[in-house]
Amino acid sequence: MLYSVVNLPIIVVARAELTAPKQEKALLEIAVNLMVPSATGDGEFHGPSINEFFPNVIFFAGTSFEINRIILIRFLAVAVLMLVFWLGTRRMKIIPTRGQSLAEMGLDFVRVNIAEDLLGKKDGKRFLPLLTTIFFMVLFMNITGIIPFLNIAGTSVIGVPLLLGVISYGTFIYAGVKKSPAKFFRNSLFPPGVPPFLYLIVTPIEFISTFLVRPVTLTLRLMMNMIVGHLLLVLFFSATQFFFFTADGGFKLFGAGTLVFGFAFTLFEVLIAVLQAYIFALLTAVYIQLALAEEH
């Protein structure tokens, strides 16, 4: 991670004899260094690298349980998620507290706008725990991408998106098979109403789109959005450091622009984090709805 705390330079406190302008410059450099990597010393700009998503192992190196900082961020996101809902629901009252109101608001959003809206009250209640878990797990792991000192999403590496994609796909298969084991696969591969001679073309397409593409698109959509968002933030903030502290003359003015864009894209990443969590849970509900449809 380019601008992570692991790779942060050791910042020396400004000496007492610094003049006021020098002190301001030193403080600004410290603030920017909290978000971007230190200069390499060669005077050249170095953009983000894909290597950021493959950090060094911190614990249990050489074993099957290697832990790097991204895995630690995932652990932290799950712990915070559990803590938030424990605090919000441990003392439920008729007149809710502020924490209880926030927890209920989040749960009601998933229940009403995703589960019941697509699956109805009966099936919505049945699959609500899964949809709620997916939504908030993706949300909390996405949001770590803009939190200082973490600065990378737990979903920006394929492990978690793939796991959730497989769970979503498995639930889709389970729902269809449980309702109608024989009709589910037959109607999925041989859609009713299609002329028999077209099945030679339609069936392979349906097999690929229904049983292969769905888990892949769920996985890649989430992961690639988080990767791109992270790389853009690193690009803007590392460019800000370069223009302010390395570039000469009038080029320093470009630092103001990249800093503004960096903060603007940080706010945009918050929106993307919420949107991707909503899309993942929504598509999972849509797939379940298709599996439970009458034609299956």
C-alpha atoms as a PDB file:
ATOM      1  CA  MET A   1       0.000   0.000   0.000  1.00  0.00           C
ATOM      2  CA  LEU A   2       1.676   3.182  -1.222  1.00  0.00           C
ATOM      3  CA  TYR A   3       0.264   5.544   1.320  1.00  0.00           C
ATOM      4  CA  SER A   4      -0.217   3.141   4.192  1.00  0.00           C
ATOM      5  CA  VAL A   5       1.165   3.534   7.637  1.00  0.00           C
ATOM      6  CA  VAL A   6       3.419   0.518   7.009  1.00  0.00           C
ATOM      7  CA  ASN A   7       5.384   2.441   4.399  1.00  0.00           C
ATOM      8  CA  LEU A   8       5.171   5.894   5.948  1.00  0.00           C
ATOM      9  CA  PRO A   9       8.466   7.747   6.415  1.00  0.00           C
ATOM     10  CA  ILE A  10       9.651   8.660   9.854  1.00  0.00           C
ATOM     11  CA  ILE A  11       8.650  12.301  10.194  1.00  0.00           C
ATOM     12  CA  VAL A  12      11.022  14.427  12.224  1.00  0.00           C
ATOM     13  CA  VAL A  13       9.467  17.244  14.222  1.00  0.00           C
ATOM     14  CA  ALA A  14      10.426  20.694  12.899  1.00  0.00           C
ATOM     15  CA  ARG A  15      13.181  22.388  14.803  1.00  0.00           C
ATOM     16  CA  ALA A  16      12.333  25.277  17.095  1.00  0.00           C
ATOM     17  CA  GLU A  17      14.409  27.762  15.058  1.00  0.00           C
ATOM     18  CA  LEU A  18      12.249  27.307  11.930  1.00  0.00           C
ATOM     19  CA  THR A  19      10.568  30.472  10.793  1.00  0.00           C
ATOM     20  CA  ALA A  20       6.761  30.610  10.520  1.00  0.00           C
ATOM     21  CA  PRO A  21       6.606  29.940   6.736  1.00  0.00           C
ATOM     22  CA  LYS A  22       8.948  26.961   7.104  1.00  0.00           C
ATOM     23  CA  GLN A  23       6.807  25.627   9.946  1.00  0.00           C
ATOM     24  CA  GLU A  24       3.691  25.821   7.805  1.00  0.00           C
ATOM     25  CA  LYS A  25       5.460  23.977   4.988  1.00  0.00           C
ATOM     26  CA  ALA A  26       6.651  21.302   7.394  1.00  0.00           C
ATOM     27  CA  LEU A  27       3.153  20.810   8.804  1.00  0.00           C
ATOM     28  CA  LEU A  28       1.686  20.565   5.296  1.00  0.00           C
ATOM     29  CA  GLU A  29       4.286  17.983   4.347  1.00  0.00           C
ATOM     30  CA  ILE A  30       3.445  15.940   7.436  1.00  0.00           C
ATOM     31  CA  ALA A  31      -0.283  16.045   6.570  1.00  0.00           C
ATOM     32  CA  VAL A  32       0.274  14.926   2.986  1.00  0.00           C
ATOM     33  CA  ASN A  33       2.684  12.201   4.051  1.00  0.00           C
ATOM     34  CA  LEU A  34      -0.115  10.643   6.082  1.00  0.00           C
ATOM     35  CA  MET A  35      -1.905   9.888   2.822  1.00  0.00           C
ATOM     36  CA  VAL A  36       0.823   9.358   0.247  1.00  0.00           C
ATOM     37  CA  PRO A  37       4.219   7.705   0.068  1.00  0.00           C
ATOM     38  CA  SER A  38       7.430   9.488   0.765  1.00  0.00           C
ATOM     39  CA  ALA A  39       9.578  10.630  -2.129  1.00  0.00           C
ATOM     40  CA  THR A  40      12.039   8.091  -3.399  1.00  0.00           C
ATOM     41  CA  GLY A  41      14.796  10.633  -3.587  1.00  0.00           C
ATOM     42  CA  ASP A  42      15.311  10.516  -7.347  1.00  0.00           C
ATOM     43  CA  GLY A  43      13.188  13.599  -8.005  1.00  0.00           C
ATOM     44  CA  GLU A  44      10.802  11.739 -10.277  1.00  0.00           C
ATOM     45  CA  PHE A  45       7.077  11.101  -9.946  1.00  0.00           C
ATOM     46  CA  HIS A  46       6.118   7.510  -9.159  1.00  0.00           C
ATOM     47  CA  GLY A  47       2.480   6.561  -9.613  1.00  0.00           C
ATOM     48  CA  PRO A  48       0.579   3.752  -7.891  1.00  0.00           C
ATOM     49  CA  SER A  49       1.500   0.150  -8.498  1.00  0.00           C
ATOM     50  CA  ILE A  50      -0.514  -3.053  -8.544  1.00  0.00           C
ATOM     51  CA  ASN A  51       2.011  -4.401  -6.036  1.00  0.00           C
ATOM     52  CA  GLU A  52       0.109  -2.490  -3.357  1.00  0.00           C
ATOM     53  CA  PHE A  53      -2.492  -5.232  -3.422  1.00  0.00           C
ATOM     54  CA  PHE A  54       0.140  -7.847  -2.573  1.00  0.00           C
ATOM     55  CA  PRO A  55       1.700  -6.544   0.655  1.00  0.00           C
ATOM     56  CA  ASN A  56       4.376  -8.338   2.636  1.00  0.00           C
ATOM     57  CA  VAL A  57       3.380 -11.066   5.055  1.00  0.00           C
ATOM     58  CA  ILE A  58       3.223  -9.906   8.669  1.00  0.00           C
ATOM     59  CA  PHE A  59       2.326 -13.081  10.547  1.00  0.00           C
ATOM     60  CA  PHE A  60       2.755 -16.827   9.918  1.00  0.00           C
ATOM     61  CA  ALA A  61       5.012 -16.459   6.882  1.00  0.00           C
ATOM     62  CA  GLY A  62       5.579 -19.656   4.977  1.00  0.00           C
ATOM     63  CA  THR A  63       2.397 -21.306   6.282  1.00  0.00           C
ATOM     64  CA  SER A  64      -1.091 -21.741   4.884  1.00  0.00           C
ATOM     65  CA  PHE A  65      -2.297 -19.032   7.272  1.00  0.00           C
ATOM     66  CA  GLU A  66      -0.153 -16.109   6.133  1.00  0.00           C
ATOM     67  CA  ILE A  67      -1.556 -12.763   7.248  1.00  0.00           C
ATOM     68  CA  ASN A  68      -0.738  -9.458   5.573  1.00  0.00           C
ATOM     69  CA  ARG A  69      -2.135  -5.998   6.243  1.00  0.00           C
ATOM     70  CA  ILE A  70      -5.116  -6.461   3.904  1.00  0.00           C
ATOM     71  CA  ILE A  71      -6.210  -9.528   5.851  1.00  0.00           C
ATOM     72  CA  LEU A  72      -5.752  -7.584   9.077  1.00  0.00           C
ATOM     73  CA  ILE A  73      -7.966  -4.842   7.620  1.00  0.00           C
ATOM     74  CA  ARG A  74     -10.595  -7.465   6.850  1.00  0.00           C
ATOM     75  CA  PHE A  75     -10.435  -8.740  10.422  1.00  0.00           C
ATOM     76  CA  LEU A  76     -10.778  -5.177  11.685  1.00  0.00           C
ATOM     77  CA  ALA A  77     -13.752  -4.437   9.412  1.00  0.00           C
ATOM     78  CA  VAL A  78     -15.588  -7.554  10.612  1.00  0.00           C
ATOM     79  CA  ALA A  79     -14.791  -6.770  14.258  1.00  0.00           C
ATOM     80  CA  VAL A  80     -16.068  -3.192  13.898  1.00  0.00           C
ATOM     81  CA  LEU A  81     -19.197  -4.424  12.109  1.00  0.00           C
ATOM     82  CA  MET A  82     -19.964  -6.852  14.922  1.00  0.00           C
ATOM     83  CA  LEU A  83     -19.258  -4.209  17.548  1.00  0.00           C
ATOM     84  CA  VAL A  84     -21.519  -1.639  15.869  1.00  0.00           C
ATOM     85  CA  PHE A  85     -24.496  -3.983  15.747  1.00  0.00           C
ATOM     86  CA  TRP A  86     -23.823  -5.333  19.226  1.00  0.00           C
ATOM     87  CA  LEU A  87     -23.833  -1.811  20.633  1.00  0.00           C
ATOM     88  CA  GLY A  88     -26.907  -0.884  18.616  1.00  0.00           C
ATOM     89  CA  THR A  89     -28.993  -3.922  19.551  1.00  0.00           C
ATOM     90  CA  ARG A  90     -27.819  -5.040  22.998  1.00  0.00           C
ATOM     91  CA  ARG A  91     -30.516  -3.050  24.844  1.00  0.00           C
ATOM     92  CA  MET A  92     -33.534  -2.832  22.585  1.00  0.00           C
ATOM     93  CA  LYS A  93     -36.161  -0.338  23.774  1.00  0.00           C
ATOM     94  CA  ILE A  94     -39.607   0.697  22.607  1.00  0.00           C
ATOM     95  CA  ILE A  95     -38.299   4.237  22.352  1.00  0.00           C
ATOM     96  CA  PRO A  96     -35.004   3.547  20.552  1.00  0.00           C
ATOM     97  CA  THR A  97     -31.733   5.156  21.457  1.00  0.00           C
ATOM     98  CA  ARG A  98     -29.649   6.858  18.775  1.00  0.00           C
ATOM     99  CA  GLY A  99     -27.504   3.762  18.261  1.00  0.00           C
ATOM    100  CA  GLN A 100     -30.540   1.494  18.109  1.00  0.00           C
ATOM    101  CA  SER A 101     -32.181   3.844  15.579  1.00  0.00           C
ATOM    102  CA  LEU A 102     -29.143   3.718  13.293  1.00  0.00           C
ATOM    103  CA  ALA A 103     -28.959  -0.073  13.494  1.00  0.00           C
ATOM    104  CA  GLU A 104     -32.678  -0.428  12.794  1.00  0.00           C
ATOM    105  CA  MET A 105     -32.447   2.033   9.914  1.00  0.00           C
ATOM    106  CA  GLY A 106     -29.709  -0.016   8.261  1.00  0.00           C
ATOM    107  CA  LEU A 107     -31.514  -3.317   8.819  1.00  0.00           C
ATOM    108  CA  ASP A 108     -34.815  -1.900   7.579  1.00  0.00           C
ATOM    109  CA  PHE A 109     -33.128  -0.598   4.439  1.00  0.00           C
ATOM    110  CA  VAL A 110     -32.017  -4.101   3.476  1.00  0.00           C
ATOM    111  CA  ARG A 111     -35.286  -5.702   4.569  1.00  0.00           C
ATOM    112  CA  VAL A 112     -37.643  -3.309   2.782  1.00  0.00           C
ATOM    113  CA  ASN A 113     -35.661  -2.107  -0.241  1.00  0.00           C
ATOM    114  CA  ILE A 114     -33.932  -5.353  -1.164  1.00  0.00           C
ATOM    115  CA  ALA A 115     -35.410  -8.468   0.446  1.00  0.00           C
ATOM    116  CA  GLU A 116     -39.154  -7.746   0.561  1.00  0.00           C
ATOM    117  CA  ASP A 117     -39.151  -5.557  -2.540  1.00  0.00           C
ATOM    118  CA  LEU A 118     -37.783  -8.365  -4.719  1.00  0.00           C
ATOM    119  CA  LEU A 119     -38.728 -11.566  -2.904  1.00  0.00           C
ATOM    120  CA  GLY A 120     -41.908 -10.651  -1.070  1.00  0.00           C
ATOM    121  CA  LYS A 121     -42.454 -10.887   2.660  1.00  0.00           C
ATOM    122  CA  LYS A 122     -42.303 -14.681   2.936  1.00  0.00           C
ATOM    123  CA  ASP A 123     -39.187 -15.383   0.892  1.00  0.00           C
ATOM    124  CA  GLY A 124     -37.712 -12.011   1.874  1.00  0.00           C
ATOM    125  CA  LYS A 125     -37.775 -13.022   5.529  1.00  0.00           C
ATOM    126  CA  ARG A 126     -36.269 -16.380   4.611  1.00  0.00           C
ATOM    127  CA  PHE A 127     -33.227 -14.919   2.853  1.00  0.00           C
ATOM    128  CA  LEU A 128     -32.942 -11.692   4.869  1.00  0.00           C
ATOM    129  CA  PRO A 129     -30.023 -12.860   7.085  1.00  0.00           C
ATOM    130  CA  LEU A 130     -27.924 -13.659   4.014  1.00  0.00           C
ATOM    131  CA  LEU A 131     -28.733 -10.399   2.208  1.00  0.00           C
ATOM    132  CA  THR A 132     -28.098  -8.351   5.348  1.00  0.00           C
ATOM    133  CA  THR A 133     -24.759 -10.053   5.954  1.00  0.00           C
ATOM    134  CA  ILE A 134     -23.651  -9.513   2.349  1.00  0.00           C
ATOM    135  CA  PHE A 135     -24.680  -5.848   2.321  1.00  0.00           C
ATOM    136  CA  PHE A 136     -22.979  -4.813   5.548  1.00  0.00           C
ATOM    137  CA  MET A 137     -19.908  -6.998   5.086  1.00  0.00           C
ATOM    138  CA  VAL A 138     -19.257  -5.492   1.655  1.00  0.00           C
ATOM    139  CA  LEU A 139     -20.023  -1.980   2.932  1.00  0.00           C
ATOM    140  CA  PHE A 140     -17.659  -2.114   5.905  1.00  0.00           C
ATOM    141  CA  MET A 141     -14.845  -3.703   3.896  1.00  0.00           C
ATOM    142  CA  ASN A 142     -15.301  -1.174   1.086  1.00  0.00           C
ATOM    143  CA  ILE A 143     -15.250   1.818   3.402  1.00  0.00           C
ATOM    144  CA  THR A 144     -11.785   0.955   4.768  1.00  0.00           C
ATOM    145  CA  GLY A 145     -10.426   2.226   1.458  1.00  0.00           C
ATOM    146  CA  ILE A 146     -10.842   5.854   2.559  1.00  0.00           C
ATOM    147  CA  ILE A 147     -10.038   5.526   6.270  1.00  0.00           C
ATOM    148  CA  PRO A 148      -6.644   7.066   7.177  1.00  0.00           C
ATOM    149  CA  PHE A 149      -3.903   4.568   8.072  1.00  0.00           C
ATOM    150  CA  LEU A 150      -5.939   1.752   6.461  1.00  0.00           C
ATOM    151  CA  ASN A 151      -6.407   3.250   2.995  1.00  0.00           C
ATOM    152  CA  ILE A 152      -7.243   0.057   1.142  1.00  0.00           C
ATOM    153  CA  ALA A 153     -10.507  -1.823   0.781  1.00  0.00           C
ATOM    154  CA  GLY A 154     -10.727  -5.348   2.114  1.00  0.00           C
ATOM    155  CA  THR A 155     -12.616  -6.210  -1.079  1.00  0.00           C
ATOM    156  CA  SER A 156      -9.862  -4.960  -3.412  1.00  0.00           C
ATOM    157  CA  VAL A 157      -8.233  -8.413  -3.455  1.00  0.00           C
ATOM    158  CA  ILE A 158     -10.165 -11.297  -4.954  1.00  0.00           C
ATOM    159  CA  GLY A 159     -10.584 -13.448  -1.825  1.00  0.00           C
ATOM    160  CA  VAL A 160     -13.623 -11.795  -0.238  1.00  0.00           C
ATOM    161  CA  PRO A 161     -15.419 -10.875  -3.504  1.00  0.00           C
ATOM    162  CA  LEU A 162     -14.936 -14.448  -4.764  1.00  0.00           C
ATOM    163  CA  LEU A 163     -16.184 -15.950  -1.509  1.00  0.00           C
ATOM    164  CA  LEU A 164     -19.299 -13.779  -1.523  1.00  0.00           C
ATOM    165  CA  GLY A 165     -19.848 -14.486  -5.227  1.00  0.00           C
ATOM    166  CA  VAL A 166     -19.714 -18.236  -4.586  1.00  0.00           C
ATOM    167  CA  ILE A 167     -22.109 -17.884  -1.638  1.00  0.00           C
ATOM    168  CA  SER A 168     -24.513 -15.848  -3.760  1.00  0.00           C
ATOM    169  CA  TYR A 169     -24.287 -18.381  -6.593  1.00  0.00           C
ATOM    170  CA  GLY A 170     -24.713 -21.311  -4.207  1.00  0.00           C
ATOM    171  CA  THR A 171     -27.814 -19.695  -2.700  1.00  0.00           C
ATOM    172  CA  PHE A 172     -29.254 -19.207  -6.190  1.00  0.00           C
ATOM    173  CA  ILE A 173     -28.754 -22.917  -6.964  1.00  0.00           C
ATOM    174  CA  TYR A 174     -30.085 -23.956  -3.550  1.00  0.00           C
ATOM    175  CA  ALA A 175     -33.249 -21.859  -3.896  1.00  0.00           C
ATOM    176  CA  GLY A 176     -34.004 -23.218  -7.350  1.00  0.00           C
ATOM    177  CA  VAL A 177     -33.297 -26.861  -6.541  1.00  0.00           C
ATOM    178  CA  LYS A 178     -35.228 -26.740  -3.273  1.00  0.00           C
ATOM    179  CA  LYS A 179     -38.317 -25.380  -4.984  1.00  0.00           C
ATOM    180  CA  SER A 180     -38.273 -27.645  -8.036  1.00  0.00           C
ATOM    181  CA  PRO A 181     -35.236 -29.914  -8.534  1.00  0.00           C
ATOM    182  CA  ALA A 182     -36.281 -31.190 -11.952  1.00  0.00           C
ATOM    183  CA  LYS A 183     -37.717 -28.017 -13.451  1.00  0.00           C
ATOM    184  CA  PHE A 184     -34.968 -25.675 -12.246  1.00  0.00           C
ATOM    185  CA  PHE A 185     -32.159 -26.975 -14.450  1.00  0.00           C
ATOM    186  CA  ARG A 186     -34.459 -27.897 -17.322  1.00  0.00           C
ATOM    187  CA  ASN A 187     -36.075 -24.473 -17.530  1.00  0.00           C
ATOM    188  CA  SER A 188     -32.746 -22.721 -16.980  1.00  0.00           C
ATOM    189  CA  LEU A 189     -31.092 -24.537 -19.877  1.00  0.00           C
ATOM    190  CA  PHE A 190     -34.156 -25.066 -22.067  1.00  0.00           C
ATOM    191  CA  PRO A 191     -36.313 -21.932 -21.640  1.00  0.00           C
ATOM    192  CA  PRO A 192     -40.016 -22.542 -22.298  1.00  0.00           C
ATOM    193  CA  GLY A 193     -41.397 -21.093 -25.508  1.00  0.00           C
ATOM    194  CA  VAL A 194     -38.178 -21.404 -27.488  1.00  0.00           C
ATOM    195  CA  PRO A 195     -38.441 -23.508 -30.684  1.00  0.00           C
ATOM    196  CA  PRO A 196     -36.645 -26.833 -30.147  1.00  0.00           C
ATOM    197  CA  PHE A 197     -34.273 -26.355 -33.073  1.00  0.00           C
ATOM    198  CA  LEU A 198     -32.913 -23.206 -31.415  1.00  0.00           C
ATOM    199  CA  TYR A 199     -31.869 -25.047 -28.241  1.00  0.00           C
ATOM    200  CA  LEU A 200     -28.599 -25.909 -29.975  1.00  0.00           C
ATOM    201  CA  ILE A 201     -27.749 -22.203 -29.760  1.00  0.00           C
ATOM    202  CA  VAL A 202     -29.767 -21.092 -26.738  1.00  0.00           C
ATOM    203  CA  THR A 203     -28.765 -23.832 -24.287  1.00  0.00           C
ATOM    204  CA  PRO A 204     -24.974 -23.179 -24.362  1.00  0.00           C
ATOM    205  CA  ILE A 205     -25.647 -19.438 -24.016  1.00  0.00           C
ATOM    206  CA  GLU A 206     -27.983 -20.004 -21.062  1.00  0.00           C
ATOM    207  CA  PHE A 207     -25.506 -22.361 -19.411  1.00  0.00           C
ATOM    208  CA  ILE A 208     -22.650 -19.852 -19.688  1.00  0.00           C
ATOM    209  CA  SER A 209     -24.701 -16.807 -18.687  1.00  0.00           C
ATOM    210  CA  THR A 210     -26.590 -18.486 -15.834  1.00  0.00           C
ATOM    211  CA  PHE A 211     -24.109 -20.919 -14.310  1.00  0.00           C
ATOM    212  CA  LEU A 212     -20.698 -19.440 -15.180  1.00  0.00           C
ATOM    213  CA  VAL A 213     -20.924 -15.704 -15.802  1.00  0.00           C
ATOM    214  CA  ARG A 214     -23.024 -14.699 -12.793  1.00  0.00           C
ATOM    215  CA  PRO A 215     -20.538 -15.524 -10.007  1.00  0.00           C
ATOM    216  CA  VAL A 216     -17.672 -14.164 -12.128  1.00  0.00           C
ATOM    217  CA  THR A 217     -19.375 -10.820 -12.802  1.00  0.00           C
ATOM    218  CA  LEU A 218     -20.349 -10.443  -9.140  1.00  0.00           C
ATOM    219  CA  THR A 219     -16.753 -11.021  -8.113  1.00  0.00           C
ATOM    220  CA  LEU A 220     -15.052  -8.849 -10.728  1.00  0.00           C
ATOM    221  CA  ARG A 221     -17.500  -5.934 -10.504  1.00  0.00           C
ATOM    222  CA  LEU A 222     -16.862  -5.478  -6.808  1.00  0.00           C
ATOM    223  CA  MET A 223     -13.117  -6.104  -6.881  1.00  0.00           C
ATOM    224  CA  MET A 224     -12.329  -3.933  -9.913  1.00  0.00           C
ATOM    225  CA  ASN A 225     -14.323  -0.972  -8.605  1.00  0.00           C
ATOM    226  CA  MET A 226     -12.348  -1.052  -5.387  1.00  0.00           C
ATOM    227  CA  ILE A 227      -9.017  -1.462  -7.192  1.00  0.00           C
ATOM    228  CA  VAL A 228      -9.670   1.459  -9.536  1.00  0.00           C
ATOM    229  CA  GLY A 229     -10.869   3.679  -6.716  1.00  0.00           C
ATOM    230  CA  HIS A 230      -7.771   2.960  -4.667  1.00  0.00           C
ATOM    231  CA  LEU A 231      -5.403   3.600  -7.573  1.00  0.00           C
ATOM    232  CA  LEU A 232      -7.096   6.925  -8.360  1.00  0.00           C
ATOM    233  CA  LEU A 233      -6.791   8.120  -4.763  1.00  0.00           C
ATOM    234  CA  VAL A 234      -3.136   7.119  -4.609  1.00  0.00           C
ATOM    235  CA  LEU A 235      -2.510   8.843  -7.930  1.00  0.00           C
ATOM    236  CA  PHE A 236      -4.039  12.150  -6.826  1.00  0.00           C
ATOM    237  CA  PHE A 237      -2.424  12.281  -3.384  1.00  0.00           C
ATOM    238  CA  SER A 238       0.993  11.094  -4.550  1.00  0.00           C
ATOM    239  CA  ALA A 239       0.837  13.708  -7.327  1.00  0.00           C
ATOM    240  CA  THR A 240      -0.013  16.297  -4.664  1.00  0.00           C
ATOM    241  CA  GLN A 241       3.095  15.370  -2.699  1.00  0.00           C
ATOM    242  CA  PHE A 242       5.220  15.469  -5.832  1.00  0.00           C
ATOM    243  CA  PHE A 243       4.008  18.899  -6.959  1.00  0.00           C
ATOM    244  CA  PHE A 244       4.212  20.486  -3.497  1.00  0.00           C
ATOM    245  CA  PHE A 245       7.563  19.127  -2.344  1.00  0.00           C
ATOM    246  CA  THR A 246       9.508  17.963  -5.410  1.00  0.00           C
ATOM    247  CA  ALA A 247       8.418  19.949  -8.472  1.00  0.00           C
ATOM    248  CA  ASP A 248      10.017  23.300  -9.222  1.00  0.00           C
ATOM    249  CA  GLY A 249       8.564  26.732  -9.879  1.00  0.00           C
ATOM    250  CA  GLY A 250       5.034  27.108 -11.147  1.00  0.00           C
ATOM    251  CA  PHE A 251       4.465  23.368 -11.245  1.00  0.00           C
ATOM    252  CA  LYS A 252       3.782  23.532  -7.513  1.00  0.00           C
ATOM    253  CA  LEU A 253       0.443  25.161  -8.332  1.00  0.00           C
ATOM    254  CA  PHE A 254      -0.751  21.892  -9.836  1.00  0.00           C
ATOM    255  CA  GLY A 255      -0.582  20.426  -6.339  1.00  0.00           C
ATOM    256  CA  ALA A 256      -3.620  22.457  -5.292  1.00  0.00           C
ATOM    257  CA  GLY A 257      -5.624  20.936  -8.141  1.00  0.00           C
ATOM    258  CA  THR A 258      -4.597  17.352  -7.439  1.00  0.00           C
ATOM    259  CA  LEU A 259      -5.324  17.872  -3.723  1.00  0.00           C
ATOM    260  CA  VAL A 260      -8.852  19.102  -4.491  1.00  0.00           C
ATOM    261  CA  PHE A 261      -9.433  16.184  -6.853  1.00  0.00           C
ATOM    262  CA  GLY A 262      -8.093  13.811  -4.221  1.00  0.00           C
ATOM    263  CA  PHE A 263     -10.590  14.942  -1.600  1.00  0.00           C
ATOM    264  CA  ALA A 264     -13.410  15.025  -4.176  1.00  0.00           C
ATOM    265  CA  PHE A 265     -12.667  11.438  -5.204  1.00  0.00           C
ATOM    266  CA  THR A 266     -12.509  10.440  -1.543  1.00  0.00           C
ATOM    267  CA  LEU A 267     -16.127  11.551  -1.164  1.00  0.00           C
ATOM    268  CA  PHE A 268     -16.949   9.801  -4.428  1.00  0.00           C
ATOM    269  CA  GLU A 269     -15.399   6.596  -3.077  1.00  0.00           C
ATOM    270  CA  VAL A 270     -17.789   6.727  -0.110  1.00  0.00           C
ATOM    271  CA  LEU A 271     -20.663   6.728  -2.599  1.00  0.00           C
ATOM    272  CA  ILE A 272     -19.080   3.875  -4.562  1.00  0.00           C
ATOM    273  CA  ALA A 273     -18.578   1.846  -1.369  1.00  0.00           C
ATOM    274  CA  VAL A 274     -22.277   2.105  -0.498  1.00  0.00           C
ATOM    275  CA  LEU A 275     -23.406   1.586  -4.094  1.00  0.00           C
ATOM    276  CA  GLN A 276     -21.331  -1.566  -4.591  1.00  0.00           C
ATOM    277  CA  ALA A 277     -22.659  -3.064  -1.357  1.00  0.00           C
ATOM    278  CA  TYR A 278     -26.208  -2.314  -2.510  1.00  0.00           C
ATOM    279  CA  ILE A 279     -25.615  -3.730  -6.006  1.00  0.00           C
ATOM    280  CA  PHE A 280     -24.071  -6.957  -4.675  1.00  0.00           C
ATOM    281  CA  ALA A 281     -26.951  -7.600  -2.271  1.00  0.00           C
ATOM    282  CA  LEU A 282     -29.518  -6.530  -4.873  1.00  0.00           C
ATOM    283  CA  LEU A 283     -28.170  -8.861  -7.573  1.00  0.00           C
ATOM    284  CA  THR A 284     -28.074 -11.717  -5.087  1.00  0.00           C
ATOM    285  CA  ALA A 285     -31.761 -11.090  -4.390  1.00  0.00           C
ATOM    286  CA  VAL A 286     -32.490 -10.883  -8.122  1.00  0.00           C
ATOM    287  CA  TYR A 287     -30.812 -14.242  -8.744  1.00  0.00           C
ATOM    288  CA  ILE A 288     -32.787 -15.817  -5.903  1.00  0.00           C
ATOM    289  CA  GLN A 289     -35.968 -14.312  -7.331  1.00  0.00           C
ATOM    290  CA  LEU A 290     -35.215 -15.843 -10.740  1.00  0.00           C
ATOM    291  CA  ALA A 291     -34.619 -19.235  -9.108  1.00  0.00           C
ATOM    292  CA  LEU A 292     -37.966 -19.013  -7.310  1.00  0.00           C
ATOM    293  CA  ALA A 293     -39.926 -17.810 -10.346  1.00  0.00           C
ATOM    294  CA  GLU A 294     -42.940 -19.870 -11.337  1.00  0.00           C
ATOM    295  CA  GLU A 295     -41.424 -20.998 -14.646  1.00  0.00           C
ATOM    296  CA  HIS A 296     -38.788 -22.843 -12.611  1.00  0.00           C
END
